[in-house]
Protein backbone atom coordinates (compact mmCIF):
# COMPACT_ATOMS: atom_id res chain seq x y z
CA MET A 1 -33.53 -2.65 82.16
CA ARG A 2 -33.73 -5.08 78.83
CA LEU A 3 -33.68 -3.31 75.46
CA ARG A 4 -34.99 -5.81 72.72
CA LEU A 5 -34.44 -4.35 69.05
CA ASP A 6 -35.82 -5.89 65.77
CA LEU A 7 -34.00 -5.08 62.75
CA LEU A 8 -35.46 -6.53 59.39
CA ASP A 9 -31.97 -5.76 57.29
CA ALA A 10 -28.68 -5.65 58.92
CA GLU A 11 -27.38 -2.45 59.75
CA GLN A 12 -23.80 -0.45 59.31
CA TYR A 13 -22.77 1.87 62.09
CA LEU A 14 -25.81 1.94 64.19
CA LEU A 15 -25.79 4.07 66.93
CA ILE A 16 -28.65 3.07 70.41
CA GLU A 17 -29.08 6.16 72.65
CA GLU A 18 -31.38 4.99 75.21
CA ARG A 19 -32.45 7.56 78.19
CA ARG A 20 -31.73 6.89 81.91
CA ALA A 21 -34.83 6.93 83.95
CA SER A 22 -35.23 9.90 86.16
CA LEU A 23 -34.96 8.30 89.70
CA CYS A 24 -32.49 6.42 89.12
CA GLU A 25 -28.86 5.93 88.35
CA PHE A 26 -26.44 3.30 86.61
CA ALA A 27 -25.50 0.23 88.84
CA ASP A 28 -22.79 -0.75 86.50
CA ASP A 29 -21.15 0.23 83.68
CA ARG A 30 -21.62 -3.23 81.97
CA ILE A 31 -23.38 -4.31 79.95
CA SER A 32 -24.97 -7.72 79.06
CA GLY A 33 -27.25 -10.16 76.55
CA SER A 34 -26.85 -11.97 72.90
CA SER A 35 -25.81 -8.86 71.07
CA ALA A 36 -23.31 -6.93 74.12
CA ARG A 37 -20.48 -8.32 72.55
CA TRP A 38 -20.94 -6.91 69.03
CA ALA A 39 -20.74 -3.29 70.95
CA VAL A 40 -17.53 -1.35 69.75
CA ARG A 41 -17.55 1.30 72.13
CA GLN A 42 -20.27 2.12 75.20
CA GLU A 43 -20.75 5.22 76.86
CA PHE A 44 -22.57 5.40 79.96
CA ARG A 45 -23.61 9.35 79.81
CA ASP A 46 -25.41 11.47 82.47
CA ASP A 47 -28.58 11.22 80.75
CA ARG A 48 -28.43 8.02 78.17
CA LEU A 49 -26.81 4.79 77.27
CA CYS A 50 -24.93 5.21 74.59
CA LEU A 51 -23.73 2.04 71.88
CA PHE A 52 -22.59 1.97 68.91
CA PHE A 53 -21.99 -0.87 67.00
CA THR A 54 -19.70 -1.44 63.45
CA SER A 55 -22.40 -3.71 62.26
CA LEU A 56 -25.44 -5.70 63.84
CA SER A 57 -27.27 -8.02 61.41
CA ALA A 58 -30.88 -8.71 60.93
CA GLY A 59 -32.92 -10.75 63.60
CA THR A 60 -33.98 -9.66 67.34
CA HIS A 61 -30.69 -8.27 69.32
CA GLU A 62 -30.84 -7.74 73.37
CA ILE A 63 -29.09 -5.55 75.73
CA VAL A 64 -28.78 -5.68 79.44
CA TYR A 65 -27.97 -3.10 81.98
CA TYR A 66 -28.79 -2.57 85.40
CA LEU A 67 -29.94 0.37 87.30
CA ARG A 68 -30.13 1.18 90.63
CA ALA A 69 -33.07 3.14 91.94
CA GLU A 70 -32.10 6.49 94.05
CA THR A 71 -35.47 8.57 94.51
CA PRO A 72 -38.56 7.63 95.86
CA GLY A 73 -41.87 8.50 93.14
CA LEU A 74 -43.14 8.80 89.91
CA CYS A 75 -41.60 9.69 86.75
CA THR A 76 -41.71 9.13 82.63
CA VAL A 77 -38.87 7.70 80.91
CA LEU A 78 -38.25 9.19 78.14
CA PRO A 79 -38.10 7.47 74.28
CA GLY A 80 -35.04 5.59 73.26
CA CYS A 81 -33.93 5.50 69.38
CA ALA A 82 -31.66 3.51 67.47
CA TYR A 83 -30.45 4.33 63.98
CA PRO A 84 -27.43 4.12 61.17
CA MET A 85 -25.30 7.15 61.62
CA TYR A 86 -24.75 7.70 58.39
CA ASN A 87 -28.55 7.31 56.91
CA ALA A 88 -30.83 10.04 58.40
CA ASN A 89 -33.98 8.10 56.55
CA THR A 90 -33.98 5.37 59.23
CA ARG A 91 -35.00 5.58 62.51
CA GLY A 92 -36.65 3.71 65.70
CA GLU A 93 -37.82 4.87 68.88
CA THR A 94 -39.72 3.14 71.55
CA ALA A 95 -42.34 4.60 73.37
CA ALA A 96 -42.57 6.78 76.92
CA THR A 97 -43.10 4.63 79.30
CA LYS A 98 -43.91 5.83 83.46
CA MET A 99 -42.00 3.95 86.13
CA GLY A 100 -42.65 4.13 89.86
CA VAL A 101 -39.86 3.56 92.77
CA SER A 102 -40.94 3.24 96.13
CA GLY A 103 -39.65 4.22 99.21
CA PRO A 104 -38.14 1.99 101.99
């Protein structure tokens, strides 16, 4: 999965929550991408990936992580979100999308 975050301004104490597709499991507990090194903590939870940043500069940031398809079918991937933890007035969300997993 490739997550792109476009920030208009630098943000402090940013939390990103990316929902895991229901037909998949996390394939690895590592992230990569241009902004992965700035994550101070990452948590692969049952239903989502949570990334914590002390600060991120304005601009485009990319995070990559891998999923492993487990069950064939069609599912809706719930929206992910990004927000500064101490500023309730600012929040960004992705759109929901559909994903298909085909069997062998």
